[in-house]
Amino acid sequence: MSVRYPHMSESDAQLALRIAREILDGSTPVLLGCRRICGPIHRLGIDREKPFVTFIGVESETDHLPIDPGERKLWDAQVLVEKDKEIASATEWAKDMVLAASRAVVQRFGECG
């Protein structure tokens, strides 16, 4: 999976929209998408609104997990086996909420992309 960095002209609305679409199409895992969308959602000032607060809540509950590919390289393989179980469980818990919040991002900012 390649990491795409926002173009300098990409607004926070466009970035949030792109990440939400990647979550919805499965090209970005649910928890990683939450981690990546928190910044744009916060800068847009909607991180306390429902359903967008979902991203912040899920990230808060999973911020201890090694979900970023670059971060995972730093972890011991044996520890990752256990952490991957936690990641799977957290993904199952968060999936429906995050997909709903991602659809709301697309609905709200779809004209930006």
PDB file of N, CA and C in Angstrom:
ATOM      1  N   MET A   1       0.845  -1.168   0.000  1.00  0.00           N
ATOM      2  CA  MET A   1       0.000   0.000   0.000  1.00  0.00           C
ATOM      3  C   MET A   1       0.897   1.240   0.000  1.00  0.00           C
ATOM      4  N   SER A   2       0.664   2.117  -0.920  1.00  0.00           N
ATOM      5  CA  SER A   2       1.465   3.325  -0.992  1.00  0.00           C
ATOM      6  C   SER A   2       0.783   4.438  -0.216  1.00  0.00           C
ATOM      7  N   VAL A   3       1.600   5.248   0.414  1.00  0.00           N
ATOM      8  CA  VAL A   3       1.076   6.395   1.155  1.00  0.00           C
ATOM      9  C   VAL A   3       1.081   7.583   0.221  1.00  0.00           C
ATOM     10  N   ARG A   4      -0.071   8.212   0.089  1.00  0.00           N
ATOM     11  CA  ARG A   4      -0.173   9.385  -0.760  1.00  0.00           C
ATOM     12  C   ARG A   4      -0.167  10.621   0.122  1.00  0.00           C
ATOM     13  N   TYR A   5       0.725  11.540  -0.190  1.00  0.00           N
ATOM     14  CA  TYR A   5       0.791  12.776   0.578  1.00  0.00           C
ATOM     15  C   TYR A   5      -0.015  13.840  -0.146  1.00  0.00           C
ATOM     16  N   PRO A   6      -0.705  14.675   0.629  1.00  0.00           N
ATOM     17  CA  PRO A   6      -1.539  15.685  -0.007  1.00  0.00           C
ATOM     18  C   PRO A   6      -0.701  16.663  -0.818  1.00  0.00           C
ATOM     19  N   HIS A   7      -1.224  17.022  -1.947  1.00  0.00           N
ATOM     20  CA  HIS A   7      -0.601  18.056  -2.760  1.00  0.00           C
ATOM     21  C   HIS A   7      -0.728  19.361  -1.996  1.00  0.00           C
ATOM     22  N   MET A   8       0.204  20.239  -2.185  1.00  0.00           N
ATOM     23  CA  MET A   8       0.198  21.496  -1.428  1.00  0.00           C
ATOM     24  C   MET A   8      -1.110  22.272  -1.604  1.00  0.00           C
ATOM     25  N   SER A   9      -1.771  22.104  -2.735  1.00  0.00           N
ATOM     26  CA  SER A   9      -3.001  22.855  -2.963  1.00  0.00           C
ATOM     27  C   SER A   9      -4.234  22.116  -2.459  1.00  0.00           C
ATOM     28  N   GLU A  10      -4.056  20.909  -1.910  1.00  0.00           N
ATOM     29  CA  GLU A  10      -5.203  20.147  -1.424  1.00  0.00           C
ATOM     30  C   GLU A  10      -5.702  20.754  -0.112  1.00  0.00           C
ATOM     31  N   SER A  11      -6.959  21.183  -0.100  1.00  0.00           N
ATOM     32  CA  SER A  11      -7.539  21.772   1.106  1.00  0.00           C
ATOM     33  C   SER A  11      -7.848  20.674   2.115  1.00  0.00           C
ATOM     34  N   ASP A  12      -8.107  21.077   3.345  1.00  0.00           N
ATOM     35  CA  ASP A  12      -8.486  20.092   4.363  1.00  0.00           C
ATOM     36  C   ASP A  12      -9.781  19.382   3.984  1.00  0.00           C
ATOM     37  N   ALA A  13     -10.699  20.094   3.367  1.00  0.00           N
ATOM     38  CA  ALA A  13     -11.946  19.462   2.923  1.00  0.00           C
ATOM     39  C   ALA A  13     -11.661  18.410   1.862  1.00  0.00           C
ATOM     40  N   GLN A  14     -10.784  18.728   0.915  1.00  0.00           N
ATOM     41  CA  GLN A  14     -10.418  17.764  -0.132  1.00  0.00           C
ATOM     42  C   GLN A  14      -9.677  16.569   0.462  1.00  0.00           C
ATOM     43  N   LEU A  15      -8.795  16.840   1.422  1.00  0.00           N
ATOM     44  CA  LEU A  15      -8.044  15.766   2.070  1.00  0.00           C
ATOM     45  C   LEU A  15      -8.983  14.856   2.854  1.00  0.00           C
ATOM     46  N   ALA A  16      -9.889  15.434   3.624  1.00  0.00           N
ATOM     47  CA  ALA A  16     -10.856  14.644   4.382  1.00  0.00           C
ATOM     48  C   ALA A  16     -11.715  13.816   3.435  1.00  0.00           C
ATOM     49  N   LEU A  17     -12.129  14.420   2.327  1.00  0.00           N
ATOM     50  CA  LEU A  17     -12.942  13.727   1.339  1.00  0.00           C
ATOM     51  C   LEU A  17     -12.177  12.551   0.737  1.00  0.00           C
ATOM     52  N   ARG A  18     -10.913  12.756   0.383  1.00  0.00           N
ATOM     53  CA  ARG A  18     -10.107  11.685  -0.211  1.00  0.00           C
ATOM     54  C   ARG A  18      -9.932  10.534   0.769  1.00  0.00           C
ATOM     55  N   ILE A  19      -9.609  10.852   2.024  1.00  0.00           N
ATOM     56  CA  ILE A  19      -9.415   9.812   3.032  1.00  0.00           C
ATOM     57  C   ILE A  19     -10.718   9.060   3.272  1.00  0.00           C
ATOM     58  N   ALA A  20     -11.826   9.785   3.369  1.00  0.00           N
ATOM     59  CA  ALA A  20     -13.131   9.137   3.577  1.00  0.00           C
ATOM     60  C   ALA A  20     -13.449   8.183   2.434  1.00  0.00           C
ATOM     61  N   ARG A  21     -13.176   8.614   1.216  1.00  0.00           N
ATOM     62  CA  ARG A  21     -13.432   7.742   0.053  1.00  0.00           C
ATOM     63  C   ARG A  21     -12.532   6.505   0.100  1.00  0.00           C
ATOM     64  N   GLU A  22     -11.288   6.681   0.541  1.00  0.00           N
ATOM     65  CA  GLU A  22     -10.370   5.538   0.650  1.00  0.00           C
ATOM     66  C   GLU A  22     -10.832   4.560   1.729  1.00  0.00           C
ATOM     67  N   ILE A  23     -11.380   5.073   2.802  1.00  0.00           N
ATOM     68  CA  ILE A  23     -11.941   4.192   3.841  1.00  0.00           C
ATOM     69  C   ILE A  23     -13.116   3.413   3.242  1.00  0.00           C
ATOM     70  N   LEU A  24     -13.983   4.116   2.540  1.00  0.00           N
ATOM     71  CA  LEU A  24     -15.181   3.489   1.983  1.00  0.00           C
ATOM     72  C   LEU A  24     -14.867   2.460   0.905  1.00  0.00           C
ATOM     73  N   ASP A  25     -13.833   2.722   0.093  1.00  0.00           N
ATOM     74  CA  ASP A  25     -13.516   1.763  -0.976  1.00  0.00           C
ATOM     75  C   ASP A  25     -12.561   0.664  -0.511  1.00  0.00           C
ATOM     76  N   GLY A  26     -12.137   0.749   0.749  1.00  0.00           N
ATOM     77  CA  GLY A  26     -11.291  -0.299   1.314  1.00  0.00           C
ATOM     78  C   GLY A  26      -9.809  -0.168   1.010  1.00  0.00           C
ATOM     79  N   SER A  27      -9.415   0.899   0.321  1.00  0.00           N
ATOM     80  CA  SER A  27      -7.995   1.048   0.013  1.00  0.00           C
ATOM     81  C   SER A  27      -7.180   1.549   1.210  1.00  0.00           C
ATOM     82  N   THR A  28      -7.856   2.109   2.197  1.00  0.00           N
ATOM     83  CA  THR A  28      -7.218   2.491   3.465  1.00  0.00           C
ATOM     84  C   THR A  28      -7.978   1.794   4.582  1.00  0.00           C
ATOM     85  N   PRO A  29      -7.260   1.044   5.432  1.00  0.00           N
ATOM     86  CA  PRO A  29      -7.939   0.366   6.545  1.00  0.00           C
ATOM     87  C   PRO A  29      -8.674   1.359   7.454  1.00  0.00           C
ATOM     88  N   VAL A  30      -9.750   0.889   8.058  1.00  0.00           N
ATOM     89  CA  VAL A  30     -10.623   1.721   8.884  1.00  0.00           C
ATOM     90  C   VAL A  30      -9.852   2.494   9.955  1.00  0.00           C
ATOM     91  N   LEU A  31      -9.044   1.808  10.745  1.00  0.00           N
ATOM     92  CA  LEU A  31      -8.355   2.489  11.840  1.00  0.00           C
ATOM     93  C   LEU A  31      -7.293   3.455  11.342  1.00  0.00           C
ATOM     94  N   LEU A  32      -6.590   3.084  10.297  1.00  0.00           N
ATOM     95  CA  LEU A  32      -5.582   3.975   9.721  1.00  0.00           C
ATOM     96  C   LEU A  32      -6.259   5.207   9.122  1.00  0.00           C
ATOM     97  N   GLY A  33      -7.395   5.006   8.487  1.00  0.00           N
ATOM     98  CA  GLY A  33      -8.143   6.141   7.945  1.00  0.00           C
ATOM     99  C   GLY A  33      -8.565   7.115   9.028  1.00  0.00           C
ATOM    100  N   CYS A  34      -9.003   6.562  10.163  1.00  0.00           N
ATOM    101  CA  CYS A  34      -9.369   7.427  11.300  1.00  0.00           C
ATOM    102  C   CYS A  34      -8.178   8.260  11.738  1.00  0.00           C
ATOM    103  N   ARG A  35      -7.035   7.611  11.852  1.00  0.00           N
ATOM    104  CA  ARG A  35      -5.839   8.322  12.285  1.00  0.00           C
ATOM    105  C   ARG A  35      -5.510   9.442  11.310  1.00  0.00           C
ATOM    106  N   ARG A  36      -5.634   9.172  10.033  1.00  0.00           N
ATOM    107  CA  ARG A  36      -5.251  10.159   9.019  1.00  0.00           C
ATOM    108  C   ARG A  36      -6.265  11.282   8.842  1.00  0.00           C
ATOM    109  N   ILE A  37      -7.525  11.021   9.133  1.00  0.00           N
ATOM    110  CA  ILE A  37      -8.562  12.034   8.889  1.00  0.00           C
ATOM    111  C   ILE A  37      -8.735  12.987  10.081  1.00  0.00           C
ATOM    112  N   CYS A  38      -8.202  12.624  11.228  1.00  0.00           N
ATOM    113  CA  CYS A  38      -8.387  13.462  12.428  1.00  0.00           C
ATOM    114  C   CYS A  38      -7.849  14.879  12.244  1.00  0.00           C
ATOM    115  N   GLY A  39      -6.682  15.030  11.654  1.00  0.00           N
ATOM    116  CA  GLY A  39      -6.108  16.363  11.448  1.00  0.00           C
ATOM    117  C   GLY A  39      -7.001  17.259  10.601  1.00  0.00           C
ATOM    118  N   PRO A  40      -7.360  16.802   9.391  1.00  0.00           N
ATOM    119  CA  PRO A  40      -8.234  17.642   8.562  1.00  0.00           C
ATOM    120  C   PRO A  40      -9.583  17.937   9.220  1.00  0.00           C
ATOM    121  N   ILE A  41     -10.166  16.944   9.867  1.00  0.00           N
ATOM    122  CA  ILE A  41     -11.465  17.133  10.528  1.00  0.00           C
ATOM    123  C   ILE A  41     -11.348  18.189  11.638  1.00  0.00           C
ATOM    124  N   HIS A  42     -10.247  18.117  12.379  1.00  0.00           N
ATOM    125  CA  HIS A  42     -10.012  19.098  13.444  1.00  0.00           C
ATOM    126  C   HIS A  42      -9.830  20.503  12.858  1.00  0.00           C
ATOM    127  N   ARG A  43      -8.992  20.607  11.824  1.00  0.00           N
ATOM    128  CA  ARG A  43      -8.729  21.924  11.226  1.00  0.00           C
ATOM    129  C   ARG A  43      -9.975  22.516  10.576  1.00  0.00           C
ATOM    130  N   LEU A  44     -10.884  21.651  10.129  1.00  0.00           N
ATOM    131  CA  LEU A  44     -12.150  22.134   9.562  1.00  0.00           C
ATOM    132  C   LEU A  44     -13.136  22.573  10.644  1.00  0.00           C
ATOM    133  N   GLY A  45     -12.816  22.262  11.904  1.00  0.00           N
ATOM    134  CA  GLY A  45     -13.661  22.676  13.014  1.00  0.00           C
ATOM    135  C   GLY A  45     -14.913  21.840  13.198  1.00  0.00           C
ATOM    136  N   ILE A  46     -14.903  20.629  12.644  1.00  0.00           N
ATOM    137  CA  ILE A  46     -16.094  19.774  12.749  1.00  0.00           C
ATOM    138  C   ILE A  46     -15.838  18.532  13.603  1.00  0.00           C
ATOM    139  N   ASP A  47     -14.713  18.506  14.295  1.00  0.00           N
ATOM    140  CA  ASP A  47     -14.324  17.307  15.057  1.00  0.00           C
ATOM    141  C   ASP A  47     -15.181  17.076  16.304  1.00  0.00           C
ATOM    142  N   ARG A  48     -16.012  18.018  16.673  1.00  0.00           N
ATOM    143  CA  ARG A  48     -16.908  17.839  17.822  1.00  0.00           C
ATOM    144  C   ARG A  48     -18.349  17.567  17.376  1.00  0.00           C
ATOM    145  N   GLU A  49     -18.584  17.631  16.061  1.00  0.00           N
ATOM    146  CA  GLU A  49     -19.927  17.415  15.524  1.00  0.00           C
ATOM    147  C   GLU A  49     -20.171  15.931  15.265  1.00  0.00           C
ATOM    148  N   LYS A  50     -21.436  15.535  15.439  1.00  0.00           N
ATOM    149  CA  LYS A  50     -21.806  14.179  15.055  1.00  0.00           C
ATOM    150  C   LYS A  50     -22.036  14.178  13.546  1.00  0.00           C
ATOM    151  N   PRO A  51     -21.658  13.166  12.827  1.00  0.00           N
ATOM    152  CA  PRO A  51     -20.971  11.949  13.251  1.00  0.00           C
ATOM    153  C   PRO A  51     -19.456  12.046  13.173  1.00  0.00           C
ATOM    154  N   PHE A  52     -18.915  13.239  12.880  1.00  0.00           N
ATOM    155  CA  PHE A  52     -17.474  13.379  12.661  1.00  0.00           C
ATOM    156  C   PHE A  52     -16.651  13.119  13.923  1.00  0.00           C
ATOM    157  N   VAL A  53     -17.255  13.327  15.081  1.00  0.00           N
ATOM    158  CA  VAL A  53     -16.581  13.050  16.349  1.00  0.00           C
ATOM    159  C   VAL A  53     -16.209  11.566  16.450  1.00  0.00           C
ATOM    160  N   THR A  54     -16.865  10.736  15.647  1.00  0.00           N
ATOM    161  CA  THR A  54     -16.551   9.306  15.614  1.00  0.00           C
ATOM    162  C   THR A  54     -15.071   9.072  15.324  1.00  0.00           C
ATOM    163  N   PHE A  55     -14.512   9.813  14.365  1.00  0.00           N
ATOM    164  CA  PHE A  55     -13.110   9.627  14.006  1.00  0.00           C
ATOM    165  C   PHE A  55     -12.201   9.892  15.201  1.00  0.00           C
ATOM    166  N   ILE A  56     -12.506  10.950  15.939  1.00  0.00           N
ATOM    167  CA  ILE A  56     -11.693  11.325  17.090  1.00  0.00           C
ATOM    168  C   ILE A  56     -11.811  10.252  18.175  1.00  0.00           C
ATOM    169  N   GLY A  57     -13.029   9.777  18.421  1.00  0.00           N
ATOM    170  CA  GLY A  57     -13.241   8.752  19.440  1.00  0.00           C
ATOM    171  C   GLY A  57     -12.538   7.449  19.119  1.00  0.00           C
ATOM    172  N   VAL A  58     -12.648   7.010  17.872  1.00  0.00           N
ATOM    173  CA  VAL A  58     -11.987   5.763  17.472  1.00  0.00           C
ATOM    174  C   VAL A  58     -10.475   5.913  17.559  1.00  0.00           C
ATOM    175  N   GLU A  59      -9.960   7.031  17.098  1.00  0.00           N
ATOM    176  CA  GLU A  59      -8.516   7.259  17.181  1.00  0.00           C
ATOM    177  C   GLU A  59      -8.058   7.264  18.642  1.00  0.00           C
ATOM    178  N   SER A  60      -8.831   7.891  19.512  1.00  0.00           N
ATOM    179  CA  SER A  60      -8.492   7.938  20.931  1.00  0.00           C
ATOM    180  C   SER A  60      -8.430   6.536  21.547  1.00  0.00           C
ATOM    181  N   GLU A  61      -9.357   5.679  21.143  1.00  0.00           N
ATOM    182  CA  GLU A  61      -9.408   4.315  21.676  1.00  0.00           C
ATOM    183  C   GLU A  61      -8.342   3.401  21.077  1.00  0.00           C
ATOM    184  N   THR A  62      -7.771   3.770  19.943  1.00  0.00           N
ATOM    185  CA  THR A  62      -6.835   2.876  19.250  1.00  0.00           C
ATOM    186  C   THR A  62      -5.460   3.490  19.027  1.00  0.00           C
ATOM    187  N   ASP A  63      -5.206   4.650  19.621  1.00  0.00           N
ATOM    188  CA  ASP A  63      -3.936   5.335  19.348  1.00  0.00           C
ATOM    189  C   ASP A  63      -2.709   4.575  19.827  1.00  0.00           C
ATOM    190  N   HIS A  64      -2.900   3.564  20.661  1.00  0.00           N
ATOM    191  CA  HIS A  64      -1.781   2.758  21.154  1.00  0.00           C
ATOM    192  C   HIS A  64      -1.425   1.607  20.206  1.00  0.00           C
ATOM    193  N   LEU A  65      -2.234   1.409  19.184  1.00  0.00           N
ATOM    194  CA  LEU A  65      -2.034   0.269  18.283  1.00  0.00           C
ATOM    195  C   LEU A  65      -1.141   0.643  17.099  1.00  0.00           C
ATOM    196  N   PRO A  66      -0.270  -0.273  16.687  1.00  0.00           N
ATOM    197  CA  PRO A  66       0.619  -0.020  15.547  1.00  0.00           C
ATOM    198  C   PRO A  66      -0.118  -0.254  14.224  1.00  0.00           C
ATOM    199  N   ILE A  67      -0.795   0.769  13.721  1.00  0.00           N
ATOM    200  CA  ILE A  67      -1.580   0.602  12.504  1.00  0.00           C
ATOM    201  C   ILE A  67      -0.944   1.249  11.280  1.00  0.00           C
ATOM    202  N   ASP A  68      -0.050   2.183  11.491  1.00  0.00           N
ATOM    203  CA  ASP A  68       0.621   2.831  10.367  1.00  0.00           C
ATOM    204  C   ASP A  68       1.748   1.918   9.870  1.00  0.00           C
ATOM    205  N   PRO A  69       1.814   1.681   8.558  1.00  0.00           N
ATOM    206  CA  PRO A  69       2.849   0.777   8.033  1.00  0.00           C
ATOM    207  C   PRO A  69       4.265   1.167   8.454  1.00  0.00           C
ATOM    208  N   GLY A  70       4.570   2.445   8.473  1.00  0.00           N
ATOM    209  CA  GLY A  70       5.900   2.888   8.898  1.00  0.00           C
ATOM    210  C   GLY A  70       6.167   2.597  10.360  1.00  0.00           C
ATOM    211  N   GLU A  71       5.156   2.753  11.173  1.00  0.00           N
ATOM    212  CA  GLU A  71       5.257   2.488  12.611  1.00  0.00           C
ATOM    213  C   GLU A  71       5.428   0.990  12.871  1.00  0.00           C
ATOM    214  N   ARG A  72       4.744   0.162  12.111  1.00  0.00           N
ATOM    215  CA  ARG A  72       4.785  -1.286  12.306  1.00  0.00           C
ATOM    216  C   ARG A  72       6.189  -1.844  12.120  1.00  0.00           C
ATOM    217  N   LYS A  73       6.973  -1.214  11.262  1.00  0.00           N
ATOM    218  CA  LYS A  73       8.351  -1.671  11.013  1.00  0.00           C
ATOM    219  C   LYS A  73       9.204  -1.606  12.278  1.00  0.00           C
ATOM    220  N   LEU A  74       8.808  -0.775  13.216  1.00  0.00           N
ATOM    221  CA  LEU A  74       9.582  -0.579  14.441  1.00  0.00           C
ATOM    222  C   LEU A  74       9.222  -1.583  15.540  1.00  0.00           C
ATOM    223  N   TRP A  75       8.171  -2.356  15.334  1.00  0.00           N
ATOM    224  CA  TRP A  75       7.677  -3.279  16.356  1.00  0.00           C
ATOM    225  C   TRP A  75       8.256  -4.675  16.167  1.00  0.00           C
ATOM    226  N   ASP A  76       8.421  -5.377  17.261  1.00  0.00           N
ATOM    227  CA  ASP A  76       8.859  -6.768  17.256  1.00  0.00           C
ATOM    228  C   ASP A  76       7.770  -7.631  16.604  1.00  0.00           C
ATOM    229  N   ALA A  77       8.172  -8.568  15.778  1.00  0.00           N
ATOM    230  CA  ALA A  77       7.226  -9.409  15.039  1.00  0.00           C
ATOM    231  C   ALA A  77       6.301 -10.194  15.968  1.00  0.00           C
ATOM    232  N   GLN A  78       6.827 -10.698  17.061  1.00  0.00           N
ATOM    233  CA  GLN A  78       6.005 -11.462  18.010  1.00  0.00           C
ATOM    234  C   GLN A  78       4.948 -10.575  18.668  1.00  0.00           C
ATOM    235  N   VAL A  79       5.330  -9.372  19.000  1.00  0.00           N
ATOM    236  CA  VAL A  79       4.392  -8.433  19.610  1.00  0.00           C
ATOM    237  C   VAL A  79       3.304  -8.049  18.602  1.00  0.00           C
ATOM    238  N   LEU A  80       3.702  -7.898  17.330  1.00  0.00           N
ATOM    239  CA  LEU A  80       2.727  -7.551  16.295  1.00  0.00           C
ATOM    240  C   LEU A  80       1.643  -8.616  16.150  1.00  0.00           C
ATOM    241  N   VAL A  81       2.004  -9.872  16.361  1.00  0.00           N
ATOM    242  CA  VAL A  81       1.008 -10.947  16.272  1.00  0.00           C
ATOM    243  C   VAL A  81      -0.122 -10.687  17.263  1.00  0.00           C
ATOM    244  N   GLU A  82       0.232 -10.322  18.489  1.00  0.00           N
ATOM    245  CA  GLU A  82      -0.773 -10.014  19.513  1.00  0.00           C
ATOM    246  C   GLU A  82      -1.508  -8.713  19.200  1.00  0.00           C
ATOM    247  N   LYS A  83      -0.755  -7.706  18.794  1.00  0.00           N
ATOM    248  CA  LYS A  83      -1.369  -6.413  18.483  1.00  0.00           C
ATOM    249  C   LYS A  83      -2.329  -6.533  17.300  1.00  0.00           C
ATOM    250  N   ASP A  84      -2.006  -7.408  16.345  1.00  0.00           N
ATOM    251  CA  ASP A  84      -2.889  -7.601  15.197  1.00  0.00           C
ATOM    252  C   ASP A  84      -4.246  -8.160  15.622  1.00  0.00           C
ATOM    253  N   LYS A  85      -4.258  -8.938  16.693  1.00  0.00           N
ATOM    254  CA  LYS A  85      -5.540  -9.429  17.232  1.00  0.00           C
ATOM    255  C   LYS A  85      -6.346  -8.262  17.783  1.00  0.00           C
ATOM    256  N   GLU A  86      -5.686  -7.364  18.485  1.00  0.00           N
ATOM    257  CA  GLU A  86      -6.350  -6.167  19.005  1.00  0.00           C
ATOM    258  C   GLU A  86      -6.846  -5.274  17.862  1.00  0.00           C
ATOM    259  N   ILE A  87      -6.024  -5.158  16.822  1.00  0.00           N
ATOM    260  CA  ILE A  87      -6.399  -4.336  15.671  1.00  0.00           C
ATOM    261  C   ILE A  87      -7.637  -4.914  14.996  1.00  0.00           C
ATOM    262  N   ALA A  88      -7.665  -6.228  14.836  1.00  0.00           N
ATOM    263  CA  ALA A  88      -8.832  -6.881  14.213  1.00  0.00           C
ATOM    264  C   ALA A  88     -10.085  -6.661  15.044  1.00  0.00           C
ATOM    265  N   SER A  89      -9.958  -6.798  16.344  1.00  0.00           N
ATOM    266  CA  SER A  89     -11.105  -6.597  17.237  1.00  0.00           C
ATOM    267  C   SER A  89     -11.575  -5.141  17.206  1.00  0.00           C
ATOM    268  N   ALA A  90     -10.630  -4.214  17.259  1.00  0.00           N
ATOM    269  CA  ALA A  90     -10.974  -2.789  17.231  1.00  0.00           C
ATOM    270  C   ALA A  90     -11.599  -2.407  15.895  1.00  0.00           C
ATOM    271  N   THR A  91     -11.111  -2.993  14.819  1.00  0.00           N
ATOM    272  CA  THR A  91     -11.668  -2.720  13.494  1.00  0.00           C
ATOM    273  C   THR A  91     -13.111  -3.193  13.433  1.00  0.00           C
ATOM    274  N   GLU A  92     -13.357  -4.374  13.950  1.00  0.00           N
ATOM    275  CA  GLU A  92     -14.720  -4.908  13.964  1.00  0.00           C
ATOM    276  C   GLU A  92     -15.649  -3.996  14.757  1.00  0.00           C
ATOM    277  N   TRP A  93     -15.161  -3.535  15.913  1.00  0.00           N
ATOM    278  CA  TRP A  93     -15.936  -2.627  16.772  1.00  0.00           C
ATOM    279  C   TRP A  93     -16.231  -1.306  16.068  1.00  0.00           C
ATOM    280  N   ALA A  94     -15.240  -0.755  15.363  1.00  0.00           N
ATOM    281  CA  ALA A  94     -15.339   0.601  14.820  1.00  0.00           C
ATOM    282  C   ALA A  94     -15.909   0.669  13.411  1.00  0.00           C
ATOM    283  N   LYS A  95     -15.878  -0.419  12.672  1.00  0.00           N
ATOM    284  CA  LYS A  95     -16.143  -0.385  11.233  1.00  0.00           C
ATOM    285  C   LYS A  95     -17.445   0.313  10.850  1.00  0.00           C
ATOM    286  N   ASP A  96     -18.558  -0.108  11.389  1.00  0.00           N
ATOM    287  CA  ASP A  96     -19.842   0.470  10.991  1.00  0.00           C
ATOM    288  C   ASP A  96     -19.921   1.962  11.308  1.00  0.00           C
ATOM    289  N   MET A  97     -19.418   2.349  12.482  1.00  0.00           N
ATOM    290  CA  MET A  97     -19.436   3.766  12.869  1.00  0.00           C
ATOM    291  C   MET A  97     -18.575   4.608  11.927  1.00  0.00           C
ATOM    292  N   VAL A  98     -17.392   4.082  11.614  1.00  0.00           N
ATOM    293  CA  VAL A  98     -16.455   4.824  10.772  1.00  0.00           C
ATOM    294  C   VAL A  98     -16.964   4.906   9.334  1.00  0.00           C
ATOM    295  N   LEU A  99     -17.562   3.838   8.845  1.00  0.00           N
ATOM    296  CA  LEU A  99     -18.125   3.889   7.490  1.00  0.00           C
ATOM    297  C   LEU A  99     -19.252   4.915   7.417  1.00  0.00           C
ATOM    298  N   ALA A 100     -20.084   4.975   8.442  1.00  0.00           N
ATOM    299  CA  ALA A 100     -21.163   5.966   8.476  1.00  0.00           C
ATOM    300  C   ALA A 100     -20.594   7.385   8.513  1.00  0.00           C
ATOM    301  N   ALA A 101     -19.578   7.606   9.335  1.00  0.00           N
ATOM    302  CA  ALA A 101     -18.956   8.929   9.419  1.00  0.00           C
ATOM    303  C   ALA A 101     -18.268   9.284   8.103  1.00  0.00           C
ATOM    304  N   SER A 102     -17.663   8.300   7.453  1.00  0.00           N
ATOM    305  CA  SER A 102     -17.007   8.538   6.162  1.00  0.00           C
ATOM    306  C   SER A 102     -18.031   8.915   5.096  1.00  0.00           C
ATOM    307  N   ARG A 103     -19.183   8.236   5.098  1.00  0.00           N
ATOM    308  CA  ARG A 103     -20.249   8.601   4.164  1.00  0.00           C
ATOM    309  C   ARG A 103     -20.709  10.039   4.413  1.00  0.00           C
ATOM    310  N   ALA A 104     -20.742  10.448   5.679  1.00  0.00           N
ATOM    311  CA  ALA A 104     -21.141  11.820   6.023  1.00  0.00           C
ATOM    312  C   ALA A 104     -20.121  12.832   5.508  1.00  0.00           C
ATOM    313  N   VAL A 105     -18.850  12.482   5.550  1.00  0.00           N
ATOM    314  CA  VAL A 105     -17.810  13.362   4.995  1.00  0.00           C
ATOM    315  C   VAL A 105     -18.022  13.524   3.491  1.00  0.00           C
ATOM    316  N   VAL A 106     -18.267  12.413   2.811  1.00  0.00           N
ATOM    317  CA  VAL A 106     -18.497  12.468   1.366  1.00  0.00           C
ATOM    318  C   VAL A 106     -19.736  13.309   1.053  1.00  0.00           C
ATOM    319  N   GLN A 107     -20.781  13.131   1.846  1.00  0.00           N
ATOM    320  CA  GLN A 107     -22.006  13.904   1.627  1.00  0.00           C
ATOM    321  C   GLN A 107     -21.755  15.396   1.838  1.00  0.00           C
ATOM    322  N   ARG A 108     -20.989  15.725   2.859  1.00  0.00           N
ATOM    323  CA  ARG A 108     -20.766  17.133   3.192  1.00  0.00           C
ATOM    324  C   ARG A 108     -19.770  17.818   2.267  1.00  0.00           C
ATOM    325  N   PHE A 109     -18.712  17.092   1.864  1.00  0.00           N
ATOM    326  CA  PHE A 109     -17.633  17.721   1.109  1.00  0.00           C
ATOM    327  C   PHE A 109     -17.486  17.188  -0.310  1.00  0.00           C
ATOM    328  N   GLY A 110     -18.431  16.394  -0.769  1.00  0.00           N
ATOM    329  CA  GLY A 110     -18.327  15.773  -2.075  1.00  0.00           C
ATOM    330  C   GLY A 110     -18.083  16.727  -3.223  1.00  0.00           C
ATOM    331  N   GLU A 111     -18.600  17.938  -3.113  1.00  0.00           N
ATOM    332  CA  GLU A 111     -18.406  18.915  -4.179  1.00  0.00           C
ATOM    333  C   GLU A 111     -16.978  19.468  -4.203  1.00  0.00           C
ATOM    334  N   CYS A 112     -16.190  19.179  -3.161  1.00  0.00           N
ATOM    335  CA  CYS A 112     -14.804  19.664  -3.100  1.00  0.00           C
ATOM    336  C   CYS A 112     -13.866  18.806  -3.936  1.00  0.00           C
ATOM    337  N   GLY A 113     -14.277  17.570  -4.225  1.00  0.00           N
ATOM    338  CA  GLY A 113     -13.371  16.660  -4.909  1.00  0.00           C
ATOM    339  C   GLY A 113     -13.811  16.435  -6.283  1.00  0.00           C
TER     340      GLY A 113
END
